[in-house]
Amino acid sequence: MADKVRFGERCKALGKVLGDAATELEMLSHLWASRGYASGGADEIVQDDLENLDLTPADLAVFITFINNFMKFLDMDSPTNNDYRQTIDLVRDL
């Protein structure tokens, strides 16, 4: 019984993490578009903007693509399959 309770608690905790992450990811995607951060945008992110982050503008663009596909998955739309684990590894702190 105790194992089942811990299992349920862990599911609830991870559900909260995923829900919070989805909200934050959607906000990042919105900011990327509305602020014109994409290549060719009104306020394009260039390499100098990312000084000391060990990221490139292309890395961020791929991450935004992941976010948009993750949101499609959550909305029961058809996301584009890709190696998103590699994409996440590009931007996360190790």
PDB file of N, CA and C in Angstrom:
ATOM      1  N   MET A   1       0.822  -1.202   0.000  1.00  0.00           N
ATOM      2  CA  MET A   1       0.000   0.000   0.000  1.00  0.00           C
ATOM      3  C   MET A   1       0.863   1.262   0.000  1.00  0.00           C
ATOM      4  N   ALA A   2       1.892   1.293   0.843  1.00  0.00           N
ATOM      5  CA  ALA A   2       2.753   2.474   0.923  1.00  0.00           C
ATOM      6  C   ALA A   2       3.437   2.738  -0.414  1.00  0.00           C
ATOM      7  N   ASP A   3       3.832   1.674  -1.133  1.00  0.00           N
ATOM      8  CA  ASP A   3       4.455   1.854  -2.441  1.00  0.00           C
ATOM      9  C   ASP A   3       3.487   2.510  -3.418  1.00  0.00           C
ATOM     10  N   LYS A   4       2.231   2.142  -3.352  1.00  0.00           N
ATOM     11  CA  LYS A   4       1.232   2.711  -4.247  1.00  0.00           C
ATOM     12  C   LYS A   4       0.998   4.187  -3.939  1.00  0.00           C
ATOM     13  N   VAL A   5       1.020   4.521  -2.672  1.00  0.00           N
ATOM     14  CA  VAL A   5       0.852   5.923  -2.285  1.00  0.00           C
ATOM     15  C   VAL A   5       2.045   6.733  -2.784  1.00  0.00           C
ATOM     16  N   ARG A   6       3.257   6.222  -2.590  1.00  0.00           N
ATOM     17  CA  ARG A   6       4.455   6.928  -3.073  1.00  0.00           C
ATOM     18  C   ARG A   6       4.422   7.052  -4.596  1.00  0.00           C
ATOM     19  N   PHE A   7       3.960   5.996  -5.261  1.00  0.00           N
ATOM     20  CA  PHE A   7       3.836   6.049  -6.721  1.00  0.00           C
ATOM     21  C   PHE A   7       2.877   7.163  -7.130  1.00  0.00           C
ATOM     22  N   GLY A   8       1.720   7.218  -6.492  1.00  0.00           N
ATOM     23  CA  GLY A   8       0.737   8.264  -6.780  1.00  0.00           C
ATOM     24  C   GLY A   8       1.285   9.651  -6.490  1.00  0.00           C
ATOM     25  N   GLU A   9       2.006   9.793  -5.379  1.00  0.00           N
ATOM     26  CA  GLU A   9       2.607  11.076  -5.036  1.00  0.00           C
ATOM     27  C   GLU A   9       3.627  11.501  -6.081  1.00  0.00           C
ATOM     28  N   ARG A  10       4.429  10.555  -6.551  1.00  0.00           N
ATOM     29  CA  ARG A  10       5.440  10.859  -7.561  1.00  0.00           C
ATOM     30  C   ARG A  10       4.772  11.271  -8.884  1.00  0.00           C
ATOM     31  N   CYS A  11       3.703  10.582  -9.246  1.00  0.00           N
ATOM     32  CA  CYS A  11       2.968  10.949 -10.463  1.00  0.00           C
ATOM     33  C   CYS A  11       2.424  12.367 -10.354  1.00  0.00           C
ATOM     34  N   LYS A  12       1.852  12.709  -9.196  1.00  0.00           N
ATOM     35  CA  LYS A  12       1.335  14.064  -9.002  1.00  0.00           C
ATOM     36  C   LYS A  12       2.453  15.094  -9.084  1.00  0.00           C
ATOM     37  N   ALA A  13       3.585  14.801  -8.460  1.00  0.00           N
ATOM     38  CA  ALA A  13       4.707  15.742  -8.455  1.00  0.00           C
ATOM     39  C   ALA A  13       5.240  15.963  -9.869  1.00  0.00           C
ATOM     40  N   LEU A  14       5.395  14.893 -10.626  1.00  0.00           N
ATOM     41  CA  LEU A  14       5.890  15.026 -11.993  1.00  0.00           C
ATOM     42  C   LEU A  14       4.858  15.672 -12.908  1.00  0.00           C
ATOM     43  N   GLY A  15       3.589  15.431 -12.637  1.00  0.00           N
ATOM     44  CA  GLY A  15       2.540  16.114 -13.400  1.00  0.00           C
ATOM     45  C   GLY A  15       2.620  17.622 -13.206  1.00  0.00           C
ATOM     46  N   LYS A  16       2.902  18.038 -11.984  1.00  0.00           N
ATOM     47  CA  LYS A  16       3.059  19.471 -11.713  1.00  0.00           C
ATOM     48  C   LYS A  16       4.286  20.018 -12.441  1.00  0.00           C
ATOM     49  N   VAL A  17       5.397  19.283 -12.393  1.00  0.00           N
ATOM     50  CA  VAL A  17       6.617  19.720 -13.082  1.00  0.00           C
ATOM     51  C   VAL A  17       6.351  19.873 -14.573  1.00  0.00           C
ATOM     52  N   LEU A  18       5.690  18.881 -15.175  1.00  0.00           N
ATOM     53  CA  LEU A  18       5.393  18.944 -16.606  1.00  0.00           C
ATOM     54  C   LEU A  18       4.440  20.092 -16.939  1.00  0.00           C
ATOM     55  N   GLY A  19       3.436  20.282 -16.105  1.00  0.00           N
ATOM     56  CA  GLY A  19       2.495  21.380 -16.334  1.00  0.00           C
ATOM     57  C   GLY A  19       3.175  22.735 -16.236  1.00  0.00           C
ATOM     58  N   ASP A  20       4.010  22.903 -15.213  1.00  0.00           N
ATOM     59  CA  ASP A  20       4.745  24.160 -15.056  1.00  0.00           C
ATOM     60  C   ASP A  20       5.703  24.369 -16.225  1.00  0.00           C
ATOM     61  N   ALA A  21       6.395  23.297 -16.639  1.00  0.00           N
ATOM     62  CA  ALA A  21       7.327  23.393 -17.766  1.00  0.00           C
ATOM     63  C   ALA A  21       6.581  23.764 -19.049  1.00  0.00           C
ATOM     64  N   ALA A  22       5.424  23.171 -19.277  1.00  0.00           N
ATOM     65  CA  ALA A  22       4.653  23.477 -20.483  1.00  0.00           C
ATOM     66  C   ALA A  22       4.266  24.954 -20.520  1.00  0.00           C
ATOM     67  N   THR A  23       3.866  25.492 -19.382  1.00  0.00           N
ATOM     68  CA  THR A  23       3.513  26.913 -19.309  1.00  0.00           C
ATOM     69  C   THR A  23       4.719  27.783 -19.633  1.00  0.00           C
ATOM     70  N   GLU A  24       5.866  27.459 -19.043  1.00  0.00           N
ATOM     71  CA  GLU A  24       7.092  28.226 -19.270  1.00  0.00           C
ATOM     72  C   GLU A  24       7.570  28.103 -20.719  1.00  0.00           C
ATOM     73  N   LEU A  25       7.499  26.899 -21.271  1.00  0.00           N
ATOM     74  CA  LEU A  25       7.923  26.679 -22.655  1.00  0.00           C
ATOM     75  C   LEU A  25       7.054  27.467 -23.630  1.00  0.00           C
ATOM     76  N   GLU A  26       5.757  27.453 -23.392  1.00  0.00           N
ATOM     77  CA  GLU A  26       4.848  28.209 -24.263  1.00  0.00           C
ATOM     78  C   GLU A  26       5.165  29.701 -24.212  1.00  0.00           C
ATOM     79  N   MET A  27       5.508  30.208 -23.018  1.00  0.00           N
ATOM     80  CA  MET A  27       5.860  31.615 -22.875  1.00  0.00           C
ATOM     81  C   MET A  27       7.143  31.931 -23.645  1.00  0.00           C
ATOM     82  N   LEU A  28       8.152  31.036 -23.579  1.00  0.00           N
ATOM     83  CA  LEU A  28       9.397  31.258 -24.322  1.00  0.00           C
ATOM     84  C   LEU A  28       9.152  31.300 -25.826  1.00  0.00           C
ATOM     85  N   SER A  29       8.319  30.409 -26.314  1.00  0.00           N
ATOM     86  CA  SER A  29       7.996  30.385 -27.740  1.00  0.00           C
ATOM     87  C   SER A  29       7.301  31.678 -28.150  1.00  0.00           C
ATOM     88  N   HIS A  30       6.386  32.141 -27.311  1.00  0.00           N
ATOM     89  CA  HIS A  30       5.682  33.389 -27.591  1.00  0.00           C
ATOM     90  C   HIS A  30       6.662  34.570 -27.633  1.00  0.00           C
ATOM     91  N   LEU A  31       7.574  34.636 -26.649  1.00  0.00           N
ATOM     92  CA  LEU A  31       8.545  35.724 -26.621  1.00  0.00           C
ATOM     93  C   LEU A  31       9.468  35.682 -27.833  1.00  0.00           C
ATOM     94  N   TRP A  32       9.881  34.495 -28.229  1.00  0.00           N
ATOM     95  CA  TRP A  32      10.741  34.323 -29.410  1.00  0.00           C
ATOM     96  C   TRP A  32      10.086  34.968 -30.630  1.00  0.00           C
ATOM     97  N   ALA A  33       8.804  34.701 -30.790  1.00  0.00           N
ATOM     98  CA  ALA A  33       8.082  35.224 -31.959  1.00  0.00           C
ATOM     99  C   ALA A  33       7.758  36.712 -31.800  1.00  0.00           C
ATOM    100  N   SER A  34       7.207  37.092 -30.657  1.00  0.00           N
ATOM    101  CA  SER A  34       6.731  38.472 -30.501  1.00  0.00           C
ATOM    102  C   SER A  34       7.855  39.492 -30.427  1.00  0.00           C
ATOM    103  N   ARG A  35       9.021  39.078 -29.959  1.00  0.00           N
ATOM    104  CA  ARG A  35      10.158  40.009 -29.867  1.00  0.00           C
ATOM    105  C   ARG A  35      11.056  39.963 -31.095  1.00  0.00           C
ATOM    106  N   GLY A  36      10.733  39.091 -32.031  1.00  0.00           N
ATOM    107  CA  GLY A  36      11.502  39.023 -33.268  1.00  0.00           C
ATOM    108  C   GLY A  36      12.907  38.478 -33.087  1.00  0.00           C
ATOM    109  N   TYR A  37      13.064  37.509 -32.186  1.00  0.00           N
ATOM    110  CA  TYR A  37      14.381  36.955 -31.896  1.00  0.00           C
ATOM    111  C   TYR A  37      14.886  35.989 -32.964  1.00  0.00           C
ATOM    112  N   ALA A  38      14.025  35.479 -33.803  1.00  0.00           N
ATOM    113  CA  ALA A  38      14.425  34.498 -34.816  1.00  0.00           C
ATOM    114  C   ALA A  38      15.344  35.138 -35.853  1.00  0.00           C
ATOM    115  N   SER A  39      16.039  34.293 -36.585  1.00  0.00           N
ATOM    116  CA  SER A  39      16.914  34.763 -37.660  1.00  0.00           C
ATOM    117  C   SER A  39      16.112  35.630 -38.630  1.00  0.00           C
ATOM    118  N   GLY A  40      16.604  36.826 -38.879  1.00  0.00           N
ATOM    119  CA  GLY A  40      15.904  37.748 -39.764  1.00  0.00           C
ATOM    120  C   GLY A  40      14.818  38.547 -39.079  1.00  0.00           C
ATOM    121  N   GLY A  41      14.614  38.317 -37.774  1.00  0.00           N
ATOM    122  CA  GLY A  41      13.578  39.028 -37.038  1.00  0.00           C
ATOM    123  C   GLY A  41      13.976  40.456 -36.705  1.00  0.00           C
ATOM    124  N   ALA A  42      13.050  41.187 -36.140  1.00  0.00           N
ATOM    125  CA  ALA A  42      13.265  42.600 -35.816  1.00  0.00           C
ATOM    126  C   ALA A  42      14.375  42.799 -34.788  1.00  0.00           C
ATOM    127  N   ASP A  43      14.551  41.852 -33.895  1.00  0.00           N
ATOM    128  CA  ASP A  43      15.593  41.937 -32.861  1.00  0.00           C
ATOM    129  C   ASP A  43      16.311  40.588 -32.782  1.00  0.00           C
ATOM    130  N   GLU A  44      16.785  40.146 -33.913  1.00  0.00           N
ATOM    131  CA  GLU A  44      17.416  38.831 -34.064  1.00  0.00           C
ATOM    132  C   GLU A  44      18.486  38.582 -32.996  1.00  0.00           C
ATOM    133  N   ILE A  45      18.456  37.401 -32.395  1.00  0.00           N
ATOM    134  CA  ILE A  45      19.515  36.999 -31.470  1.00  0.00           C
ATOM    135  C   ILE A  45      20.725  36.600 -32.299  1.00  0.00           C
ATOM    136  N   VAL A  46      21.864  37.234 -31.991  1.00  0.00           N
ATOM    137  CA  VAL A  46      23.120  36.921 -32.677  1.00  0.00           C
ATOM    138  C   VAL A  46      24.102  36.361 -31.647  1.00  0.00           C
ATOM    139  N   GLN A  47      25.212  35.828 -32.140  1.00  0.00           N
ATOM    140  CA  GLN A  47      26.163  35.157 -31.256  1.00  0.00           C
ATOM    141  C   GLN A  47      26.644  36.059 -30.122  1.00  0.00           C
ATOM    142  N   ASP A  48      26.851  37.330 -30.380  1.00  0.00           N
ATOM    143  CA  ASP A  48      27.309  38.247 -29.325  1.00  0.00           C
ATOM    144  C   ASP A  48      26.301  38.350 -28.180  1.00  0.00           C
ATOM    145  N   ASP A  49      25.018  38.152 -28.463  1.00  0.00           N
ATOM    146  CA  ASP A  49      23.993  38.192 -27.414  1.00  0.00           C
ATOM    147  C   ASP A  49      24.123  37.017 -26.450  1.00  0.00           C
ATOM    148  N   LEU A  50      24.782  35.974 -26.886  1.00  0.00           N
ATOM    149  CA  LEU A  50      24.856  34.733 -26.102  1.00  0.00           C
ATOM    150  C   LEU A  50      26.238  34.515 -25.492  1.00  0.00           C
ATOM    151  N   GLU A  51      26.986  35.588 -25.349  1.00  0.00           N
ATOM    152  CA  GLU A  51      28.341  35.516 -24.810  1.00  0.00           C
ATOM    153  C   GLU A  51      28.370  34.694 -23.523  1.00  0.00           C
ATOM    154  N   ASN A  52      29.311  33.773 -23.460  1.00  0.00           N
ATOM    155  CA  ASN A  52      29.555  32.922 -22.283  1.00  0.00           C
ATOM    156  C   ASN A  52      28.436  31.911 -21.989  1.00  0.00           C
ATOM    157  N   LEU A  53      27.497  31.718 -22.888  1.00  0.00           N
ATOM    158  CA  LEU A  53      26.430  30.747 -22.648  1.00  0.00           C
ATOM    159  C   LEU A  53      26.692  29.399 -23.307  1.00  0.00           C
ATOM    160  N   ASP A  54      27.705  29.305 -24.137  1.00  0.00           N
ATOM    161  CA  ASP A  54      28.011  28.073 -24.857  1.00  0.00           C
ATOM    162  C   ASP A  54      26.816  27.612 -25.684  1.00  0.00           C
ATOM    163  N   LEU A  55      26.123  28.578 -26.274  1.00  0.00           N
ATOM    164  CA  LEU A  55      24.982  28.329 -27.156  1.00  0.00           C
ATOM    165  C   LEU A  55      25.147  29.169 -28.406  1.00  0.00           C
ATOM    166  N   THR A  56      24.531  28.721 -29.479  1.00  0.00           N
ATOM    167  CA  THR A  56      24.488  29.510 -30.700  1.00  0.00           C
ATOM    168  C   THR A  56      23.045  29.918 -30.975  1.00  0.00           C
ATOM    169  N   PRO A  57      22.846  30.931 -31.798  1.00  0.00           N
ATOM    170  CA  PRO A  57      21.475  31.257 -32.193  1.00  0.00           C
ATOM    171  C   PRO A  57      20.773  30.055 -32.834  1.00  0.00           C
ATOM    172  N   ALA A  58      21.522  29.244 -33.569  1.00  0.00           N
ATOM    173  CA  ALA A  58      20.927  28.046 -34.185  1.00  0.00           C
ATOM    174  C   ALA A  58      20.461  27.052 -33.117  1.00  0.00           C
ATOM    175  N   ASP A  59      21.219  26.917 -32.017  1.00  0.00           N
ATOM    176  CA  ASP A  59      20.800  26.048 -30.919  1.00  0.00           C
ATOM    177  C   ASP A  59      19.465  26.497 -30.356  1.00  0.00           C
ATOM    178  N   LEU A  60      19.318  27.808 -30.178  1.00  0.00           N
ATOM    179  CA  LEU A  60      18.055  28.336 -29.655  1.00  0.00           C
ATOM    180  C   LEU A  60      16.917  28.114 -30.638  1.00  0.00           C
ATOM    181  N   ALA A  61      17.188  28.280 -31.916  1.00  0.00           N
ATOM    182  CA  ALA A  61      16.145  28.066 -32.929  1.00  0.00           C
ATOM    183  C   ALA A  61      15.664  26.619 -32.911  1.00  0.00           C
ATOM    184  N   VAL A  62      16.589  25.685 -32.766  1.00  0.00           N
ATOM    185  CA  VAL A  62      16.220  24.265 -32.697  1.00  0.00           C
ATOM    186  C   VAL A  62      15.411  23.998 -31.426  1.00  0.00           C
ATOM    187  N   PHE A  63      15.788  24.650 -30.331  1.00  0.00           N
ATOM    188  CA  PHE A  63      15.047  24.471 -29.079  1.00  0.00           C
ATOM    189  C   PHE A  63      13.627  25.020 -29.208  1.00  0.00           C
ATOM    190  N   ILE A  64      13.472  26.147 -29.870  1.00  0.00           N
ATOM    191  CA  ILE A  64      12.130  26.701 -30.083  1.00  0.00           C
ATOM    192  C   ILE A  64      11.304  25.751 -30.954  1.00  0.00           C
ATOM    193  N   THR A  65      11.947  25.130 -31.927  1.00  0.00           N
ATOM    194  CA  THR A  65      11.253  24.121 -32.745  1.00  0.00           C
ATOM    195  C   THR A  65      10.779  22.967 -31.870  1.00  0.00           C
ATOM    196  N   PHE A  66      11.645  22.526 -30.952  1.00  0.00           N
ATOM    197  CA  PHE A  66      11.243  21.486 -30.007  1.00  0.00           C
ATOM    198  C   PHE A  66      10.033  21.944 -29.194  1.00  0.00           C
ATOM    199  N   ILE A  67      10.095  23.170 -28.663  1.00  0.00           N
ATOM    200  CA  ILE A  67       8.984  23.682 -27.857  1.00  0.00           C
ATOM    201  C   ILE A  67       7.686  23.657 -28.657  1.00  0.00           C
ATOM    202  N   ASN A  68       7.731  24.151 -29.883  1.00  0.00           N
ATOM    203  CA  ASN A  68       6.520  24.197 -30.705  1.00  0.00           C
ATOM    204  C   ASN A  68       5.976  22.797 -30.965  1.00  0.00           C
ATOM    205  N   ASN A  69       6.854  21.826 -31.156  1.00  0.00           N
ATOM    206  CA  ASN A  69       6.401  20.453 -31.368  1.00  0.00           C
ATOM    207  C   ASN A  69       5.916  19.808 -30.081  1.00  0.00           C
ATOM    208  N   PHE A  70       6.520  20.147 -28.958  1.00  0.00           N
ATOM    209  CA  PHE A  70       6.043  19.659 -27.664  1.00  0.00           C
ATOM    210  C   PHE A  70       4.629  20.174 -27.401  1.00  0.00           C
ATOM    211  N   MET A  71       4.399  21.445 -27.715  1.00  0.00           N
ATOM    212  CA  MET A  71       3.064  22.011 -27.514  1.00  0.00           C
ATOM    213  C   MET A  71       2.050  21.339 -28.445  1.00  0.00           C
ATOM    214  N   LYS A  72       2.458  21.020 -29.679  1.00  0.00           N
ATOM    215  CA  LYS A  72       1.575  20.285 -30.589  1.00  0.00           C
ATOM    216  C   LYS A  72       1.219  18.926 -29.997  1.00  0.00           C
ATOM    217  N   PHE A  73       2.207  18.244 -29.444  1.00  0.00           N
ATOM    218  CA  PHE A  73       1.971  16.941 -28.812  1.00  0.00           C
ATOM    219  C   PHE A  73       0.947  17.075 -27.689  1.00  0.00           C
ATOM    220  N   LEU A  74       1.115  18.087 -26.842  1.00  0.00           N
ATOM    221  CA  LEU A  74       0.188  18.279 -25.726  1.00  0.00           C
ATOM    222  C   LEU A  74      -1.217  18.620 -26.202  1.00  0.00           C
ATOM    223  N   ASP A  75      -1.301  19.289 -27.349  1.00  0.00           N
ATOM    224  CA  ASP A  75      -2.600  19.694 -27.892  1.00  0.00           C
ATOM    225  C   ASP A  75      -3.205  18.649 -28.832  1.00  0.00           C
ATOM    226  N   MET A  76      -2.620  17.457 -28.868  1.00  0.00           N
ATOM    227  CA  MET A  76      -3.087  16.353 -29.707  1.00  0.00           C
ATOM    228  C   MET A  76      -3.000  16.689 -31.188  1.00  0.00           C
ATOM    229  N   ASP A  77      -2.043  17.534 -31.536  1.00  0.00           N
ATOM    230  CA  ASP A  77      -1.745  17.838 -32.923  1.00  0.00           C
ATOM    231  C   ASP A  77      -0.637  16.881 -33.357  1.00  0.00           C
ATOM    232  N   SER A  78      -0.153  17.007 -34.541  1.00  0.00           N
ATOM    233  CA  SER A  78       0.881  16.098 -35.046  1.00  0.00           C
ATOM    234  C   SER A  78       2.250  16.774 -35.016  1.00  0.00           C
ATOM    235  N   PRO A  79       3.054  16.470 -33.969  1.00  0.00           N
ATOM    236  CA  PRO A  79       4.388  17.061 -33.921  1.00  0.00           C
ATOM    237  C   PRO A  79       5.317  16.406 -34.942  1.00  0.00           C
ATOM    238  N   THR A  80       6.354  17.122 -35.302  1.00  0.00           N
ATOM    239  CA  THR A  80       7.388  16.578 -36.180  1.00  0.00           C
ATOM    240  C   THR A  80       8.369  15.792 -35.328  1.00  0.00           C
ATOM    241  N   ASN A  81       8.620  14.555 -35.686  1.00  0.00           N
ATOM    242  CA  ASN A  81       9.563  13.730 -34.933  1.00  0.00           C
ATOM    243  C   ASN A  81      10.986  14.188 -35.208  1.00  0.00           C
ATOM    244  N   ASN A  82      11.801  14.162 -34.157  1.00  0.00           N
ATOM    245  CA  ASN A  82      13.194  14.551 -34.259  1.00  0.00           C
ATOM    246  C   ASN A  82      13.902  14.021 -33.029  1.00  0.00           C
ATOM    247  N   ASP A  83      15.209  14.171 -32.968  1.00  0.00           N
ATOM    248  CA  ASP A  83      15.981  13.763 -31.792  1.00  0.00           C
ATOM    249  C   ASP A  83      15.946  14.895 -30.774  1.00  0.00           C
ATOM    250  N   TYR A  84      14.812  15.046 -30.096  1.00  0.00           N
ATOM    251  CA  TYR A  84      14.641  16.153 -29.180  1.00  0.00           C
ATOM    252  C   TYR A  84      15.439  15.978 -27.892  1.00  0.00           C
ATOM    253  N   ARG A  85      15.838  14.773 -27.557  1.00  0.00           N
ATOM    254  CA  ARG A  85      16.716  14.574 -26.401  1.00  0.00           C
ATOM    255  C   ARG A  85      18.022  15.331 -26.645  1.00  0.00           C
ATOM    256  N   GLN A  86      18.567  15.218 -27.854  1.00  0.00           N
ATOM    257  CA  GLN A  86      19.788  15.934 -28.214  1.00  0.00           C
ATOM    258  C   GLN A  86      19.550  17.444 -28.155  1.00  0.00           C
ATOM    259  N   THR A  87      18.387  17.879 -28.596  1.00  0.00           N
ATOM    260  CA  THR A  87      18.047  19.296 -28.561  1.00  0.00           C
ATOM    261  C   THR A  87      18.027  19.811 -27.120  1.00  0.00           C
ATOM    262  N   ILE A  88      17.410  19.070 -26.230  1.00  0.00           N
ATOM    263  CA  ILE A  88      17.356  19.474 -24.821  1.00  0.00           C
ATOM    264  C   ILE A  88      18.762  19.511 -24.242  1.00  0.00           C
ATOM    265  N   ASP A  89      19.577  18.527 -24.584  1.00  0.00           N
ATOM    266  CA  ASP A  89      20.958  18.495 -24.072  1.00  0.00           C
ATOM    267  C   ASP A  89      21.760  19.708 -24.517  1.00  0.00           C
ATOM    268  N   LEU A  90      21.430  20.267 -25.688  1.00  0.00           N
ATOM    269  CA  LEU A  90      22.133  21.456 -26.170  1.00  0.00           C
ATOM    270  C   LEU A  90      21.954  22.655 -25.240  1.00  0.00           C
ATOM    271  N   VAL A  91      20.797  22.784 -24.653  1.00  0.00           N
ATOM    272  CA  VAL A  91      20.492  24.008 -23.915  1.00  0.00           C
ATOM    273  C   VAL A  91      20.475  23.844 -22.398  1.00  0.00           C
ATOM    274  N   ARG A  92      20.475  22.628 -21.911  1.00  0.00           N
ATOM    275  CA  ARG A  92      20.374  22.476 -20.463  1.00  0.00           C
ATOM    276  C   ARG A  92      21.727  22.599 -19.791  1.00  0.00           C
ATOM    277  N   ASP A  93      21.691  22.952 -18.549  1.00  0.00           N
ATOM    278  CA  ASP A  93      22.910  23.004 -17.747  1.00  0.00           C
ATOM    279  C   ASP A  93      23.237  21.588 -17.296  1.00  0.00           C
ATOM    280  N   LEU A  94      24.436  21.167 -17.563  1.00  0.00           N
ATOM    281  CA  LEU A  94      24.856  19.820 -17.164  1.00  0.00           C
ATOM    282  C   LEU A  94      25.672  19.872 -15.892  1.00  0.00           C
TER     283      LEU A  94
END
